PDB file of N, CA and C in Angstrom:
ATOM      1  N   MET A   1     -28.344 -94.357 -29.505  1.00  0.00           N
ATOM      2  CA  MET A   1     -29.046 -95.406 -30.236  1.00  0.00           C
ATOM      3  C   MET A   1     -30.491 -95.545 -29.738  1.00  0.00           C
ATOM      4  N   SER A   2     -30.687 -95.412 -28.437  1.00  0.00           N
ATOM      5  CA  SER A   2     -32.019 -95.539 -27.861  1.00  0.00           C
ATOM      6  C   SER A   2     -32.964 -94.474 -28.417  1.00  0.00           C
ATOM      7  N   ASP A   3     -32.471 -93.252 -28.578  1.00  0.00           N
ATOM      8  CA  ASP A   3     -33.298 -92.176 -29.138  1.00  0.00           C
ATOM      9  C   ASP A   3     -33.701 -92.492 -30.567  1.00  0.00           C
ATOM     10  N   PHE A   4     -32.785 -93.059 -31.326  1.00  0.00           N
ATOM     11  CA  PHE A   4     -33.076 -93.434 -32.707  1.00  0.00           C
ATOM     12  C   PHE A   4     -34.176 -94.488 -32.749  1.00  0.00           C
ATOM     13  N   VAL A   5     -34.055 -95.504 -31.915  1.00  0.00           N
ATOM     14  CA  VAL A   5     -35.051 -96.585 -31.883  1.00  0.00           C
ATOM     15  C   VAL A   5     -36.412 -96.028 -31.472  1.00  0.00           C
ATOM     16  N   ASN A   6     -36.443 -95.182 -30.463  1.00  0.00           N
ATOM     17  CA  ASN A   6     -37.704 -94.583 -30.020  1.00  0.00           C
ATOM     18  C   ASN A   6     -38.328 -93.733 -31.115  1.00  0.00           C
ATOM     19  N   SER A   7     -37.500 -92.963 -31.799  1.00  0.00           N
ATOM     20  CA  SER A   7     -37.984 -92.125 -32.896  1.00  0.00           C
ATOM     21  C   SER A   7     -38.537 -92.977 -34.032  1.00  0.00           C
ATOM     22  N   LEU A   8     -37.839 -94.044 -34.364  1.00  0.00           N
ATOM     23  CA  LEU A   8     -38.281 -94.946 -35.422  1.00  0.00           C
ATOM     24  C   LEU A   8     -39.598 -95.621 -35.059  1.00  0.00           C
ATOM     25  N   GLU A   9     -39.720 -96.087 -33.826  1.00  0.00           N
ATOM     26  CA  GLU A   9     -40.958 -96.727 -33.379  1.00  0.00           C
ATOM     27  C   GLU A   9     -42.132 -95.754 -33.463  1.00  0.00           C
ATOM     28  N   LYS A  10     -41.894 -94.505 -33.086  1.00  0.00           N
ATOM     29  CA  LYS A  10     -42.958 -93.501 -33.132  1.00  0.00           C
ATOM     30  C   LYS A  10     -43.392 -93.255 -34.579  1.00  0.00           C
ATOM     31  N   LYS A  11     -42.443 -93.099 -35.478  1.00  0.00           N
ATOM     32  CA  LYS A  11     -42.775 -92.857 -36.887  1.00  0.00           C
ATOM     33  C   LYS A  11     -43.532 -94.041 -37.489  1.00  0.00           C
ATOM     34  N   LEU A  12     -43.101 -95.252 -37.169  1.00  0.00           N
ATOM     35  CA  LEU A  12     -43.776 -96.438 -37.694  1.00  0.00           C
ATOM     36  C   LEU A  12     -45.200 -96.545 -37.158  1.00  0.00           C
ATOM     37  N   SER A  13     -45.391 -96.239 -35.883  1.00  0.00           N
ATOM     38  CA  SER A  13     -46.731 -96.329 -35.305  1.00  0.00           C
ATOM     39  C   SER A  13     -47.664 -95.299 -35.925  1.00  0.00           C
ATOM     40  N   GLU A  14     -47.116 -94.170 -36.397  1.00  0.00           N
ATOM     41  CA  GLU A  14     -47.940 -93.160 -37.056  1.00  0.00           C
ATOM     42  C   GLU A  14     -48.451 -93.645 -38.410  1.00  0.00           C
ATOM     43  N   LEU A  15     -47.800 -94.634 -38.975  1.00  0.00           N
ATOM     44  CA  LEU A  15     -48.210 -95.184 -40.267  1.00  0.00           C
ATOM     45  C   LEU A  15     -49.264 -96.273 -40.126  1.00  0.00           C
ATOM     46  N   MET A  16     -49.607 -96.616 -38.890  1.00  0.00           N
ATOM     47  CA  MET A  16     -50.565 -97.679 -38.623  1.00  0.00           C
ATOM     48  C   MET A  16     -51.910 -97.073 -38.225  1.00  0.00           C
ATOM     49  N   GLU A  17     -52.980 -97.811 -38.513  1.00  0.00           N
ATOM     50  CA  GLU A  17     -54.330 -97.372 -38.164  1.00  0.00           C
ATOM     51  C   GLU A  17     -55.054 -98.474 -37.405  1.00  0.00           C
ATOM     52  N   ASP A  18     -55.872 -98.064 -36.439  1.00  0.00           N
ATOM     53  CA  ASP A  18     -56.719 -99.008 -35.715  1.00  0.00           C
ATOM     54  C   ASP A  18     -57.924 -99.338 -36.579  1.00  0.00           C
ATOM     55  N   ILE A  19     -58.250-100.605 -36.658  1.00  0.00           N
ATOM     56  CA  ILE A  19     -59.428-101.044 -37.416  1.00  0.00           C
ATOM     57  C   ILE A  19     -60.195-102.089 -36.612  1.00  0.00           C
ATOM     58  N   THR A  20     -61.472-102.149 -36.863  1.00  0.00           N
ATOM     59  CA  THR A  20     -62.318-103.245 -36.398  1.00  0.00           C
ATOM     60  C   THR A  20     -63.127-103.678 -37.607  1.00  0.00           C
ATOM     61  N   CYS A  21     -63.065-104.963 -37.922  1.00  0.00           N
ATOM     62  CA  CYS A  21     -63.712-105.471 -39.127  1.00  0.00           C
ATOM     63  C   CYS A  21     -64.511-106.727 -38.837  1.00  0.00           C
ATOM     64  N   LEU A  22     -65.531-106.921 -39.659  1.00  0.00           N
ATOM     65  CA  LEU A  22     -66.254-108.189 -39.732  1.00  0.00           C
ATOM     66  C   LEU A  22     -65.937-108.755 -41.103  1.00  0.00           C
ATOM     67  N   ILE A  23     -65.171-109.835 -41.133  1.00  0.00           N
ATOM     68  CA  ILE A  23     -64.706-110.393 -42.396  1.00  0.00           C
ATOM     69  C   ILE A  23     -65.328-111.772 -42.604  1.00  0.00           C
ATOM     70  N   PRO A  24     -66.077-111.932 -43.702  1.00  0.00           N
ATOM     71  CA  PRO A  24     -66.695-113.238 -43.975  1.00  0.00           C
ATOM     72  C   PRO A  24     -65.634-114.331 -44.096  1.00  0.00           C
ATOM     73  N   TYR A  25     -66.014-115.534 -43.740  1.00  0.00           N
ATOM     74  CA  TYR A  25     -65.069-116.661 -43.826  1.00  0.00           C
ATOM     75  C   TYR A  25     -64.587-116.881 -45.260  1.00  0.00           C
ATOM     76  N   SER A  26     -65.388-116.488 -46.229  1.00  0.00           N
ATOM     77  CA  SER A  26     -64.974-116.632 -47.627  1.00  0.00           C
ATOM     78  C   SER A  26     -63.822-115.692 -47.993  1.00  0.00           C
ATOM     79  N   LYS A  27     -63.539-114.726 -47.138  1.00  0.00           N
ATOM     80  CA  LYS A  27     -62.447-113.766 -47.364  1.00  0.00           C
ATOM     81  C   LYS A  27     -61.338-113.967 -46.337  1.00  0.00           C
ATOM     82  N   SER A  28     -61.085-115.204 -45.978  1.00  0.00           N
ATOM     83  CA  SER A  28     -60.106-115.506 -44.921  1.00  0.00           C
ATOM     84  C   SER A  28     -58.697-115.018 -45.254  1.00  0.00           C
ATOM     85  N   LYS A  29     -58.406-114.803 -46.542  1.00  0.00           N
ATOM     86  CA  LYS A  29     -57.075-114.283 -46.900  1.00  0.00           C
ATOM     87  C   LYS A  29     -56.862-112.894 -46.310  1.00  0.00           C
ATOM     88  N   GLU A  30     -57.945-112.139 -46.119  1.00  0.00           N
ATOM     89  CA  GLU A  30     -57.830-110.810 -45.517  1.00  0.00           C
ATOM     90  C   GLU A  30     -57.465-110.919 -44.032  1.00  0.00           C
ATOM     91  N   VAL A  31     -58.033-111.897 -43.348  1.00  0.00           N
ATOM     92  CA  VAL A  31     -57.691-112.138 -41.947  1.00  0.00           C
ATOM     93  C   VAL A  31     -56.214-112.540 -41.848  1.00  0.00           C
ATOM     94  N   ASN A  32     -55.780-113.400 -42.748  1.00  0.00           N
ATOM     95  CA  ASN A  32     -54.374-113.807 -42.768  1.00  0.00           C
ATOM     96  C   ASN A  32     -53.460-112.607 -42.978  1.00  0.00           C
ATOM     97  N   LEU A  33     -53.840-111.709 -43.879  1.00  0.00           N
ATOM     98  CA  LEU A  33     -53.048-110.511 -44.137  1.00  0.00           C
ATOM     99  C   LEU A  33     -52.913-109.658 -42.875  1.00  0.00           C
ATOM    100  N   ILE A  34     -54.010-109.485 -42.175  1.00  0.00           N
ATOM    101  CA  ILE A  34     -53.974-108.701 -40.937  1.00  0.00           C
ATOM    102  C   ILE A  34     -52.992-109.319 -39.948  1.00  0.00           C
ATOM    103  N   HIS A  35     -53.026-110.628 -39.807  1.00  0.00           N
ATOM    104  CA  HIS A  35     -52.103-111.311 -38.895  1.00  0.00           C
ATOM    105  C   HIS A  35     -50.647-111.142 -39.347  1.00  0.00           C
ATOM    106  N   GLU A  36     -50.423-111.140 -40.649  1.00  0.00           N
ATOM    107  CA  GLU A  36     -49.052-111.051 -41.166  1.00  0.00           C
ATOM    108  C   GLU A  36     -48.442-109.669 -41.014  1.00  0.00           C
ATOM    109  N   VAL A  37     -49.220-108.615 -41.252  1.00  0.00           N
ATOM    110  CA  VAL A  37     -48.636-107.272 -41.285  1.00  0.00           C
ATOM    111  C   VAL A  37     -49.091-106.363 -40.155  1.00  0.00           C
ATOM    112  N   GLY A  38     -50.040-106.823 -39.351  1.00  0.00           N
ATOM    113  CA  GLY A  38     -50.586-105.967 -38.305  1.00  0.00           C
ATOM    114  C   GLY A  38     -50.317-106.487 -36.910  1.00  0.00           C
ATOM    115  N   ASN A  39     -50.841-105.741 -35.960  1.00  0.00           N
ATOM    116  CA  ASN A  39     -50.802-106.133 -34.553  1.00  0.00           C
ATOM    117  C   ASN A  39     -52.241-106.409 -34.126  1.00  0.00           C
ATOM    118  N   VAL A  40     -52.566-107.682 -34.006  1.00  0.00           N
ATOM    119  CA  VAL A  40     -53.937-108.085 -33.695  1.00  0.00           C
ATOM    120  C   VAL A  40     -54.183-107.935 -32.196  1.00  0.00           C
ATOM    121  N   GLU A  41     -55.271-107.246 -31.864  1.00  0.00           N
ATOM    122  CA  GLU A  41     -55.648-107.042 -30.468  1.00  0.00           C
ATOM    123  C   GLU A  41     -56.749-107.998 -30.023  1.00  0.00           C
ATOM    124  N   PHE A  42     -57.596-108.396 -30.977  1.00  0.00           N
ATOM    125  CA  PHE A  42     -58.771-109.186 -30.621  1.00  0.00           C
ATOM    126  C   PHE A  42     -59.272-109.931 -31.849  1.00  0.00           C
ATOM    127  N   VAL A  43     -59.646-111.199 -31.648  1.00  0.00           N
ATOM    128  CA  VAL A  43     -60.272-111.996 -32.715  1.00  0.00           C
ATOM    129  C   VAL A  43     -61.417-112.776 -32.095  1.00  0.00           C
ATOM    130  N   GLU A  44     -62.561-112.750 -32.775  1.00  0.00           N
ATOM    131  CA  GLU A  44     -63.717-113.536 -32.334  1.00  0.00           C
ATOM    132  C   GLU A  44     -64.335-114.176 -33.571  1.00  0.00           C
ATOM    133  N   TYR A  45     -64.589-115.465 -33.482  1.00  0.00           N
ATOM    134  CA  TYR A  45     -65.178-116.197 -34.597  1.00  0.00           C
ATOM    135  C   TYR A  45     -66.677-116.283 -34.380  1.00  0.00           C
ATOM    136  N   GLU A  46     -67.412-115.595 -35.237  1.00  0.00           N
ATOM    137  CA  GLU A  46     -68.866-115.555 -35.151  1.00  0.00           C
ATOM    138  C   GLU A  46     -69.467-116.544 -36.143  1.00  0.00           C
ATOM    139  N   ALA A  47     -70.772-116.604 -36.209  1.00  0.00           N
ATOM    140  CA  ALA A  47     -71.451-117.599 -37.044  1.00  0.00           C
ATOM    141  C   ALA A  47     -71.041-117.532 -38.519  1.00  0.00           C
ATOM    142  N   GLU A  48     -70.953-116.325 -39.071  1.00  0.00           N
ATOM    143  CA  GLU A  48     -70.679-116.195 -40.500  1.00  0.00           C
ATOM    144  C   GLU A  48     -69.437-115.382 -40.830  1.00  0.00           C
ATOM    145  N   CYS A  49     -68.722-114.927 -39.806  1.00  0.00           N
ATOM    146  CA  CYS A  49     -67.577-114.067 -40.085  1.00  0.00           C
ATOM    147  C   CYS A  49     -66.598-114.051 -38.904  1.00  0.00           C
ATOM    148  N   THR A  50     -65.465-113.418 -39.151  1.00  0.00           N
ATOM    149  CA  THR A  50     -64.460-113.194 -38.111  1.00  0.00           C
ATOM    150  C   THR A  50     -64.502-111.724 -37.739  1.00  0.00           C
ATOM    151  N   ARG A  51     -64.662-111.446 -36.465  1.00  0.00           N
ATOM    152  CA  ARG A  51     -64.564-110.079 -35.960  1.00  0.00           C
ATOM    153  C   ARG A  51     -63.119-109.908 -35.508  1.00  0.00           C
ATOM    154  N   ILE A  52     -62.456-108.885 -36.022  1.00  0.00           N
ATOM    155  CA  ILE A  52     -61.051-108.688 -35.696  1.00  0.00           C
ATOM    156  C   ILE A  52     -60.767-107.206 -35.466  1.00  0.00           C
ATOM    157  N   LYS A  53     -60.008-106.953 -34.418  1.00  0.00           N
ATOM    158  CA  LYS A  53     -59.569-105.597 -34.096  1.00  0.00           C
ATOM    159  C   LYS A  53     -58.051-105.621 -34.143  1.00  0.00           C
ATOM    160  N   ALA A  54     -57.464-104.672 -34.887  1.00  0.00           N
ATOM    161  CA  ALA A  54     -56.022-104.689 -35.067  1.00  0.00           C
ATOM    162  C   ALA A  54     -55.508-103.306 -35.442  1.00  0.00           C
ATOM    163  N   LYS A  55     -54.220-103.181 -35.432  1.00  0.00           N
ATOM    164  CA  LYS A  55     -53.523-101.993 -35.927  1.00  0.00           C
ATOM    165  C   LYS A  55     -52.774-102.460 -37.164  1.00  0.00           C
ATOM    166  N   VAL A  56     -53.074-101.828 -38.303  1.00  0.00           N
ATOM    167  CA  VAL A  56     -52.504-102.249 -39.585  1.00  0.00           C
ATOM    168  C   VAL A  56     -51.964-101.037 -40.343  1.00  0.00           C
ATOM    169  N   PRO A  57     -51.089-101.272 -41.322  1.00  0.00           N
ATOM    170  CA  PRO A  57     -50.635-100.172 -42.176  1.00  0.00           C
ATOM    171  C   PRO A  57     -51.815 -99.535 -42.911  1.00  0.00           C
ATOM    172  N   ARG A  58     -51.690 -98.252 -43.227  1.00  0.00           N
ATOM    173  CA  ARG A  58     -52.773 -97.520 -43.900  1.00  0.00           C
ATOM    174  C   ARG A  58     -53.237 -98.199 -45.187  1.00  0.00           C
ATOM    175  N   ALA A  59     -52.317 -98.705 -45.961  1.00  0.00           N
ATOM    176  CA  ALA A  59     -52.691 -99.349 -47.227  1.00  0.00           C
ATOM    177  C   ALA A  59     -53.606-100.547 -46.984  1.00  0.00           C
ATOM    178  N   VAL A  60     -53.325-101.311 -45.946  1.00  0.00           N
ATOM    179  CA  VAL A  60     -54.165-102.469 -45.607  1.00  0.00           C
ATOM    180  C   VAL A  60     -55.513-101.979 -45.082  1.00  0.00           C
ATOM    181  N   SER A  61     -55.505-100.940 -44.283  1.00  0.00           N
ATOM    182  CA  SER A  61     -56.748-100.370 -43.770  1.00  0.00           C
ATOM    183  C   SER A  61     -57.663 -99.957 -44.917  1.00  0.00           C
ATOM    184  N   MET A  62     -57.115 -99.322 -45.921  1.00  0.00           N
ATOM    185  CA  MET A  62     -57.911 -98.914 -47.080  1.00  0.00           C
ATOM    186  C   MET A  62     -58.442-100.125 -47.836  1.00  0.00           C
ATOM    187  N   ARG A  63     -57.643-101.158 -47.954  1.00  0.00           N
ATOM    188  CA  ARG A  63     -58.059-102.389 -48.638  1.00  0.00           C
ATOM    189  C   ARG A  63     -59.243-103.053 -47.932  1.00  0.00           C
ATOM    190  N   LEU A  64     -59.314-102.887 -46.615  1.00  0.00           N
ATOM    191  CA  LEU A  64     -60.347-103.541 -45.813  1.00  0.00           C
ATOM    192  C   LEU A  64     -61.565-102.666 -45.557  1.00  0.00           C
ATOM    193  N   GLU A  65     -61.654-101.544 -46.238  1.00  0.00           N
ATOM    194  CA  GLU A  65     -62.714-100.559 -46.000  1.00  0.00           C
ATOM    195  C   GLU A  65     -64.108-101.186 -45.986  1.00  0.00           C
ATOM    196  N   GLU A  66     -64.395-102.071 -46.904  1.00  0.00           N
ATOM    197  CA  GLU A  66     -65.737-102.650 -47.010  1.00  0.00           C
ATOM    198  C   GLU A  66     -66.118-103.530 -45.821  1.00  0.00           C
ATOM    199  N   PHE A  67     -65.131-103.938 -45.016  1.00  0.00           N
ATOM    200  CA  PHE A  67     -65.412-104.828 -43.876  1.00  0.00           C
ATOM    201  C   PHE A  67     -65.441-104.095 -42.536  1.00  0.00           C
ATOM    202  N   LYS A  68     -65.117-102.823 -42.537  1.00  0.00           N
ATOM    203  CA  LYS A  68     -65.031-102.067 -41.273  1.00  0.00           C
ATOM    204  C   LYS A  68     -66.394-101.862 -40.632  1.00  0.00           C
ATOM    205  N   VAL A  69     -66.375-101.884 -39.305  1.00  0.00           N
ATOM    206  CA  VAL A  69     -67.589-101.600 -38.529  1.00  0.00           C
ATOM    207  C   VAL A  69     -67.323-100.458 -37.571  1.00  0.00           C
TER     208      VAL A  69
END
């Protein structure tokens, strides 16, 4: 069973991508999405946006393309 779990974790992690984004406060639903489906490593609230670093599914990474830095 342990081998199965390890194999599954590895496959799932391969489907995730590291991202760093600057997301305007007007797009806070995107920040919420990252928290819901990703693994957030860092969040900083700046004057006009949220800087966030996370590991998210590829589909979410593509959705956030315009905010990546």
